[in-house]
Amino acid sequence: MNLSTLFDAHSIVGDLGLVGVLAIIFAETALLIGLAFPGDSLLFIAGVAASGSGAAILGGAALDPVALFIGAPIAAILGAQVGHIFGATYGRKLFDRPDGRFFSRKRVIATEKWLRKYGTGRAIILARFVPFVRTLINPLCGIVKIPARTFFVWNFIGGIIWTQSVIFLGYILGEKLEGSVDKYILPIVGLIVVLSLIPVVIEIFRERQTKKHHS
């Protein structure tokens, strides 16, 4: 297997199948190397592959829709739980390292601000839709001592919302298309991120308005 396969959604679905898809979803939320893996685009392509016309659209790649819709949230939830345990166990020593290809202090600081600003529930759910944040927020929740029970509840909700919504988009589009889905991937993934950031933008606007009134 070529290493580049792990970083391309088409290749993961076509070459590794359902097991590969679930493994990447798990790794993206459980391990820091997950920063480099495709997340939203993988779920979207997997949804297309699970549709009735998926095999024709993706050159023979097809996935069992039932197994995908059940397995994806389980992989995402378990991955995040591992990330939380990792952070709770190793603490800040986990982040005491120089910036590298997949890791930077800037990303860590941004994720910490995200968690403090929007609170546990909203932060964990919204983070699912923002690439690097959904990887880093799990160990950070462990580092700042968010209780395992609290984290699990919001992780469970966020994992289901993220996987099911993106897979469903791919599945529905796959049922409607007859040609390549490549031109749809970036716009749809971009739309998902934009929609998930709307509450964040609203909060920022409200905060600025409050500061103006008190200045």
C-alpha atoms as a PDB file:
ATOM      1  CA  MET A   1       0.000   0.000   0.000  1.00  0.00           C
ATOM      2  CA  ASN A   2       1.274   3.443  -0.961  1.00  0.00           C
ATOM      3  CA  LEU A   3       1.498   5.843   1.998  1.00  0.00           C
ATOM      4  CA  SER A   4      -0.173   8.558  -0.046  1.00  0.00           C
ATOM      5  CA  THR A   5      -3.323   6.418  -0.048  1.00  0.00           C
ATOM      6  CA  LEU A   6      -3.900   7.414   3.592  1.00  0.00           C
ATOM      7  CA  PHE A   7      -4.175  11.092   2.707  1.00  0.00           C
ATOM      8  CA  ASP A   8      -6.552  10.843  -0.262  1.00  0.00           C
ATOM      9  CA  ALA A   9     -10.262  10.247   0.291  1.00  0.00           C
ATOM     10  CA  HIS A  10     -10.780   8.521  -3.076  1.00  0.00           C
ATOM     11  CA  SER A  11      -7.893   6.129  -2.480  1.00  0.00           C
ATOM     12  CA  ILE A  12      -9.001   5.283   1.047  1.00  0.00           C
ATOM     13  CA  VAL A  13     -12.496   4.363  -0.106  1.00  0.00           C
ATOM     14  CA  GLY A  14     -11.361   2.585  -3.272  1.00  0.00           C
ATOM     15  CA  ASP A  15      -8.286   0.752  -1.955  1.00  0.00           C
ATOM     16  CA  LEU A  16      -9.004   0.236   1.739  1.00  0.00           C
ATOM     17  CA  GLY A  17     -12.772  -0.039   1.782  1.00  0.00           C
ATOM     18  CA  LEU A  18     -14.960   0.250   4.867  1.00  0.00           C
ATOM     19  CA  VAL A  19     -12.244  -0.879   7.284  1.00  0.00           C
ATOM     20  CA  GLY A  20      -9.903   1.802   5.950  1.00  0.00           C
ATOM     21  CA  VAL A  21     -12.571   4.503   6.168  1.00  0.00           C
ATOM     22  CA  LEU A  22     -13.382   3.659   9.791  1.00  0.00           C
ATOM     23  CA  ALA A  23      -9.693   3.397  10.717  1.00  0.00           C
ATOM     24  CA  ILE A  24      -8.935   6.859   9.301  1.00  0.00           C
ATOM     25  CA  ILE A  25     -11.961   8.403  11.038  1.00  0.00           C
ATOM     26  CA  PHE A  26     -10.760   6.876  14.304  1.00  0.00           C
ATOM     27  CA  ALA A  27      -7.160   8.010  13.792  1.00  0.00           C
ATOM     28  CA  GLU A  28      -8.134  11.542  12.781  1.00  0.00           C
ATOM     29  CA  THR A  29      -9.844  12.119  16.109  1.00  0.00           C
ATOM     30  CA  ALA A  30      -7.604   9.948  18.311  1.00  0.00           C
ATOM     31  CA  LEU A  31      -4.060  10.730  17.161  1.00  0.00           C
ATOM     32  CA  LEU A  32      -2.177  13.957  16.457  1.00  0.00           C
ATOM     33  CA  ILE A  33      -1.116  12.553  13.079  1.00  0.00           C
ATOM     34  CA  GLY A  34      -4.814  12.762  12.274  1.00  0.00           C
ATOM     35  CA  LEU A  35      -4.226  16.438  11.461  1.00  0.00           C
ATOM     36  CA  ALA A  36      -3.057  15.268   8.038  1.00  0.00           C
ATOM     37  CA  PHE A  37      -5.925  12.900   7.285  1.00  0.00           C
ATOM     38  CA  PRO A  38      -9.002  13.834   5.252  1.00  0.00           C
ATOM     39  CA  GLY A  39     -12.079  14.060   7.459  1.00  0.00           C
ATOM     40  CA  ASP A  40     -15.076  15.773   5.921  1.00  0.00           C
ATOM     41  CA  SER A  41     -14.075  14.849   2.374  1.00  0.00           C
ATOM     42  CA  LEU A  42     -13.617  11.188   3.393  1.00  0.00           C
ATOM     43  CA  LEU A  43     -17.056  11.025   4.975  1.00  0.00           C
ATOM     44  CA  PHE A  44     -18.559  12.700   1.927  1.00  0.00           C
ATOM     45  CA  ILE A  45     -16.891  10.328  -0.546  1.00  0.00           C
ATOM     46  CA  ALA A  46     -17.804   7.364   1.662  1.00  0.00           C
ATOM     47  CA  GLY A  47     -21.426   8.519   1.538  1.00  0.00           C
ATOM     48  CA  VAL A  48     -21.283   8.633  -2.242  1.00  0.00           C
ATOM     49  CA  ALA A  49     -19.749   5.141  -2.302  1.00  0.00           C
ATOM     50  CA  ALA A  50     -22.612   3.855  -0.156  1.00  0.00           C
ATOM     51  CA  SER A  51     -25.251   5.185  -2.569  1.00  0.00           C
ATOM     52  CA  GLY A  52     -26.921   3.146  -5.269  1.00  0.00           C
ATOM     53  CA  SER A  53     -24.813   4.671  -8.026  1.00  0.00           C
ATOM     54  CA  GLY A  54     -21.640   4.981  -5.945  1.00  0.00           C
ATOM     55  CA  ALA A  55     -19.745   2.173  -7.661  1.00  0.00           C
ATOM     56  CA  ALA A  56     -20.373   3.653 -11.108  1.00  0.00           C
ATOM     57  CA  ILE A  57     -19.378   7.149 -10.002  1.00  0.00           C
ATOM     58  CA  LEU A  58     -16.218   6.091  -8.149  1.00  0.00           C
ATOM     59  CA  GLY A  59     -14.921   3.509 -10.583  1.00  0.00           C
ATOM     60  CA  GLY A  60     -16.120   0.419  -8.752  1.00  0.00           C
ATOM     61  CA  ALA A  61     -15.678   1.596  -5.155  1.00  0.00           C
ATOM     62  CA  ALA A  62     -18.754   0.763  -3.100  1.00  0.00           C
ATOM     63  CA  LEU A  63     -19.524   0.591   0.619  1.00  0.00           C
ATOM     64  CA  ASP A  64     -22.298  -1.065   2.601  1.00  0.00           C
ATOM     65  CA  PRO A  65     -24.542   1.870   3.643  1.00  0.00           C
ATOM     66  CA  VAL A  66     -25.806   0.228   6.851  1.00  0.00           C
ATOM     67  CA  ALA A  67     -22.296  -0.659   8.020  1.00  0.00           C
ATOM     68  CA  LEU A  68     -21.045   2.835   7.141  1.00  0.00           C
ATOM     69  CA  PHE A  69     -23.835   4.750   8.893  1.00  0.00           C
ATOM     70  CA  ILE A  70     -23.423   2.608  12.016  1.00  0.00           C
ATOM     71  CA  GLY A  71     -19.640   2.249  12.001  1.00  0.00           C
ATOM     72  CA  ALA A  72     -18.639   5.851  11.255  1.00  0.00           C
ATOM     73  CA  PRO A  73     -20.062   7.468  14.417  1.00  0.00           C
ATOM     74  CA  ILE A  74     -18.696   4.625  16.544  1.00  0.00           C
ATOM     75  CA  ALA A  75     -15.198   5.160  15.092  1.00  0.00           C
ATOM     76  CA  ALA A  76     -15.439   8.937  15.539  1.00  0.00           C
ATOM     77  CA  ILE A  77     -16.670   8.693  19.138  1.00  0.00           C
ATOM     78  CA  LEU A  78     -14.112   6.062  20.172  1.00  0.00           C
ATOM     79  CA  GLY A  79     -11.306   8.038  18.530  1.00  0.00           C
ATOM     80  CA  ALA A  80     -12.189  11.190  20.414  1.00  0.00           C
ATOM     81  CA  GLN A  81     -12.406   9.257  23.689  1.00  0.00           C
ATOM     82  CA  VAL A  82      -8.891   7.934  23.122  1.00  0.00           C
ATOM     83  CA  GLY A  83      -7.705  11.486  22.470  1.00  0.00           C
ATOM     84  CA  HIS A  84      -9.300  12.669  25.715  1.00  0.00           C
ATOM     85  CA  ILE A  85      -7.707   9.834  27.718  1.00  0.00           C
ATOM     86  CA  PHE A  86      -4.354  10.579  26.087  1.00  0.00           C
ATOM     87  CA  GLY A  87      -4.548  14.224  27.113  1.00  0.00           C
ATOM     88  CA  ALA A  88      -5.741  13.459  30.632  1.00  0.00           C
ATOM     89  CA  THR A  89      -2.941  10.914  31.105  1.00  0.00           C
ATOM     90  CA  TYR A  90       0.035  12.797  29.696  1.00  0.00           C
ATOM     91  CA  GLY A  91      -1.086  16.366  30.365  1.00  0.00           C
ATOM     92  CA  ARG A  92       0.788  19.329  29.007  1.00  0.00           C
ATOM     93  CA  LYS A  93       3.917  17.296  28.419  1.00  0.00           C
ATOM     94  CA  LEU A  94       2.071  16.066  25.345  1.00  0.00           C
ATOM     95  CA  PHE A  95       2.473  19.516  23.821  1.00  0.00           C
ATOM     96  CA  ASP A  96       5.964  20.405  25.037  1.00  0.00           C
ATOM     97  CA  ARG A  97       7.645  19.825  21.695  1.00  0.00           C
ATOM     98  CA  PRO A  98       8.905  21.938  18.774  1.00  0.00           C
ATOM     99  CA  ASP A  99       6.578  22.775  15.923  1.00  0.00           C
ATOM    100  CA  GLY A 100       6.512  20.077  13.277  1.00  0.00           C
ATOM    101  CA  ARG A 101       4.794  19.250  10.026  1.00  0.00           C
ATOM    102  CA  PHE A 102       1.481  18.257  11.623  1.00  0.00           C
ATOM    103  CA  PHE A 103       1.795  20.034  14.977  1.00  0.00           C
ATOM    104  CA  SER A 104       2.244  23.641  16.040  1.00  0.00           C
ATOM    105  CA  ARG A 105       1.797  25.598  19.226  1.00  0.00           C
ATOM    106  CA  LYS A 106      -0.312  28.090  17.279  1.00  0.00           C
ATOM    107  CA  ARG A 107      -2.908  25.415  16.595  1.00  0.00           C
ATOM    108  CA  VAL A 108      -2.900  24.325  20.218  1.00  0.00           C
ATOM    109  CA  ILE A 109      -3.377  27.881  21.488  1.00  0.00           C
ATOM    110  CA  ALA A 110      -6.218  28.451  18.999  1.00  0.00           C
ATOM    111  CA  THR A 111      -7.967  25.291  20.179  1.00  0.00           C
ATOM    112  CA  GLU A 112      -7.574  26.248  23.842  1.00  0.00           C
ATOM    113  CA  LYS A 113      -9.193  29.635  23.122  1.00  0.00           C
ATOM    114  CA  TRP A 114     -12.002  27.845  21.264  1.00  0.00           C
ATOM    115  CA  LEU A 115     -12.689  25.654  24.289  1.00  0.00           C
ATOM    116  CA  ARG A 116     -12.634  28.507  26.805  1.00  0.00           C
ATOM    117  CA  LYS A 117     -14.715  30.869  24.714  1.00  0.00           C
ATOM    118  CA  TYR A 118     -17.610  28.663  23.665  1.00  0.00           C
ATOM    119  CA  GLY A 119     -17.929  26.256  26.565  1.00  0.00           C
ATOM    120  CA  THR A 120     -17.637  22.486  26.633  1.00  0.00           C
ATOM    121  CA  GLY A 121     -20.768  21.422  24.774  1.00  0.00           C
ATOM    122  CA  ARG A 122     -20.740  23.855  21.882  1.00  0.00           C
ATOM    123  CA  ALA A 123     -16.971  23.689  21.513  1.00  0.00           C
ATOM    124  CA  ILE A 124     -16.884  19.899  21.216  1.00  0.00           C
ATOM    125  CA  ILE A 125     -19.802  19.733  18.772  1.00  0.00           C
ATOM    126  CA  LEU A 126     -18.667  22.626  16.563  1.00  0.00           C
ATOM    127  CA  ALA A 127     -15.073  21.347  16.592  1.00  0.00           C
ATOM    128  CA  ARG A 128     -16.215  18.250  14.689  1.00  0.00           C
ATOM    129  CA  PHE A 129     -16.685  20.421  11.614  1.00  0.00           C
ATOM    130  CA  VAL A 130     -13.359  22.288  11.776  1.00  0.00           C
ATOM    131  CA  PRO A 131     -10.413  20.163  10.534  1.00  0.00           C
ATOM    132  CA  PHE A 132      -7.483  20.749  12.894  1.00  0.00           C
ATOM    133  CA  VAL A 133      -9.676  21.652  15.881  1.00  0.00           C
ATOM    134  CA  ARG A 134     -11.509  18.310  15.909  1.00  0.00           C
ATOM    135  CA  THR A 135      -8.160  16.534  16.341  1.00  0.00           C
ATOM    136  CA  LEU A 136      -6.638  18.779  19.005  1.00  0.00           C
ATOM    137  CA  ILE A 137      -9.701  19.506  21.110  1.00  0.00           C
ATOM    138  CA  ASN A 138      -9.972  15.932  22.408  1.00  0.00           C
ATOM    139  CA  PRO A 139      -6.593  15.744  24.209  1.00  0.00           C
ATOM    140  CA  LEU A 140      -6.992  19.370  25.269  1.00  0.00           C
ATOM    141  CA  CYS A 141     -10.274  18.497  26.980  1.00  0.00           C
ATOM    142  CA  GLY A 142      -8.333  15.868  28.885  1.00  0.00           C
ATOM    143  CA  ILE A 143      -5.574  18.329  29.752  1.00  0.00           C
ATOM    144  CA  VAL A 144      -7.972  20.929  31.195  1.00  0.00           C
ATOM    145  CA  LYS A 145      -9.634  18.165  33.234  1.00  0.00           C
ATOM    146  CA  ILE A 146     -13.067  18.120  31.638  1.00  0.00           C
ATOM    147  CA  PRO A 147     -14.756  15.139  33.349  1.00  0.00           C
ATOM    148  CA  ALA A 148     -14.803  11.962  31.277  1.00  0.00           C
ATOM    149  CA  ARG A 149     -18.584  11.648  31.651  1.00  0.00           C
ATOM    150  CA  THR A 150     -19.221  15.211  30.465  1.00  0.00           C
ATOM    151  CA  PHE A 151     -16.829  14.798  27.564  1.00  0.00           C
ATOM    152  CA  PHE A 152     -18.435  11.515  26.526  1.00  0.00           C
ATOM    153  CA  VAL A 153     -21.940  13.004  26.386  1.00  0.00           C
ATOM    154  CA  TRP A 154     -20.939  15.890  24.111  1.00  0.00           C
ATOM    155  CA  ASN A 155     -18.528  13.723  22.140  1.00  0.00           C
ATOM    156  CA  PHE A 156     -21.343  11.223  21.531  1.00  0.00           C
ATOM    157  CA  ILE A 157     -23.699  13.931  20.280  1.00  0.00           C
ATOM    158  CA  GLY A 158     -21.053  15.639  18.152  1.00  0.00           C
ATOM    159  CA  GLY A 159     -19.787  12.393  16.656  1.00  0.00           C
ATOM    160  CA  ILE A 160     -23.250  11.389  15.501  1.00  0.00           C
ATOM    161  CA  ILE A 161     -24.160  14.811  14.108  1.00  0.00           C
ATOM    162  CA  TRP A 162     -20.871  15.152  12.198  1.00  0.00           C
ATOM    163  CA  THR A 163     -20.665  11.695  10.638  1.00  0.00           C
ATOM    164  CA  GLN A 164     -24.335  11.261   9.820  1.00  0.00           C
ATOM    165  CA  SER A 165     -24.819  14.706   8.283  1.00  0.00           C
ATOM    166  CA  VAL A 166     -21.748  14.614   6.022  1.00  0.00           C
ATOM    167  CA  ILE A 167     -22.236  10.972   4.980  1.00  0.00           C
ATOM    168  CA  PHE A 168     -25.901  11.673   4.277  1.00  0.00           C
ATOM    169  CA  LEU A 169     -24.984  14.590   2.000  1.00  0.00           C
ATOM    170  CA  GLY A 170     -22.673  12.324   0.014  1.00  0.00           C
ATOM    171  CA  TYR A 171     -25.247   9.539  -0.065  1.00  0.00           C
ATOM    172  CA  ILE A 172     -28.035  11.780  -1.360  1.00  0.00           C
ATOM    173  CA  LEU A 173     -25.778  13.412  -3.954  1.00  0.00           C
ATOM    174  CA  GLY A 174     -24.565   9.984  -5.058  1.00  0.00           C
ATOM    175  CA  GLU A 175     -28.155   8.945  -5.710  1.00  0.00           C
ATOM    176  CA  LYS A 176     -28.656  11.981  -7.943  1.00  0.00           C
ATOM    177  CA  LEU A 177     -25.356  12.074  -9.870  1.00  0.00           C
ATOM    178  CA  GLU A 178     -24.242  10.197 -12.931  1.00  0.00           C
ATOM    179  CA  GLY A 179     -20.736  11.633 -13.303  1.00  0.00           C
ATOM    180  CA  SER A 180     -17.704  12.565 -11.187  1.00  0.00           C
ATOM    181  CA  VAL A 181     -18.201  14.050  -7.716  1.00  0.00           C
ATOM    182  CA  ASP A 182     -14.805  15.750  -7.634  1.00  0.00           C
ATOM    183  CA  LYS A 183     -16.144  19.204  -8.446  1.00  0.00           C
ATOM    184  CA  TYR A 184     -18.637  18.972  -5.598  1.00  0.00           C
ATOM    185  CA  ILE A 185     -16.259  17.964  -2.805  1.00  0.00           C
ATOM    186  CA  LEU A 186     -14.568  21.288  -1.984  1.00  0.00           C
ATOM    187  CA  PRO A 187     -17.744  23.430  -2.256  1.00  0.00           C
ATOM    188  CA  ILE A 188     -19.741  21.069  -0.038  1.00  0.00           C
ATOM    189  CA  VAL A 189     -16.989  20.637   2.551  1.00  0.00           C
ATOM    190  CA  GLY A 190     -16.521  24.417   2.528  1.00  0.00           C
ATOM    191  CA  LEU A 191     -20.252  24.921   3.034  1.00  0.00           C
ATOM    192  CA  ILE A 192     -20.225  22.513   5.986  1.00  0.00           C
ATOM    193  CA  VAL A 193     -17.396  24.441   7.659  1.00  0.00           C
ATOM    194  CA  VAL A 194     -19.065  27.805   6.986  1.00  0.00           C
ATOM    195  CA  LEU A 195     -22.389  26.654   8.446  1.00  0.00           C
ATOM    196  CA  SER A 196     -20.667  25.261  11.528  1.00  0.00           C
ATOM    197  CA  LEU A 197     -18.881  28.572  12.084  1.00  0.00           C
ATOM    198  CA  ILE A 198     -22.061  30.670  11.959  1.00  0.00           C
ATOM    199  CA  PRO A 199     -22.654  30.336  15.739  1.00  0.00           C
ATOM    200  CA  VAL A 200     -19.031  31.335  16.310  1.00  0.00           C
ATOM    201  CA  VAL A 201     -19.398  34.454  14.144  1.00  0.00           C
ATOM    202  CA  ILE A 202     -22.618  35.369  15.935  1.00  0.00           C
ATOM    203  CA  GLU A 203     -20.880  35.073  19.316  1.00  0.00           C
ATOM    204  CA  ILE A 204     -17.986  37.244  18.141  1.00  0.00           C
ATOM    205  CA  PHE A 205     -20.432  39.878  16.861  1.00  0.00           C
ATOM    206  CA  ARG A 206     -22.368  39.863  20.139  1.00  0.00           C
ATOM    207  CA  GLU A 207     -19.160  40.190  22.141  1.00  0.00           C
ATOM    208  CA  ARG A 208     -18.031  43.190  20.103  1.00  0.00           C
ATOM    209  CA  GLN A 209     -21.450  44.823  20.476  1.00  0.00           C
ATOM    210  CA  THR A 210     -21.300  44.284  24.247  1.00  0.00           C
ATOM    211  CA  LYS A 211     -17.820  45.850  24.420  1.00  0.00           C
ATOM    212  CA  LYS A 212     -19.058  48.884  22.452  1.00  0.00           C
ATOM    213  CA  HIS A 213     -21.932  49.411  24.859  1.00  0.00           C
ATOM    214  CA  HIS A 214     -19.611  49.206  27.876  1.00  0.00           C
ATOM    215  CA  SER A 215     -16.861  51.397  26.394  1.00  0.00           C
END
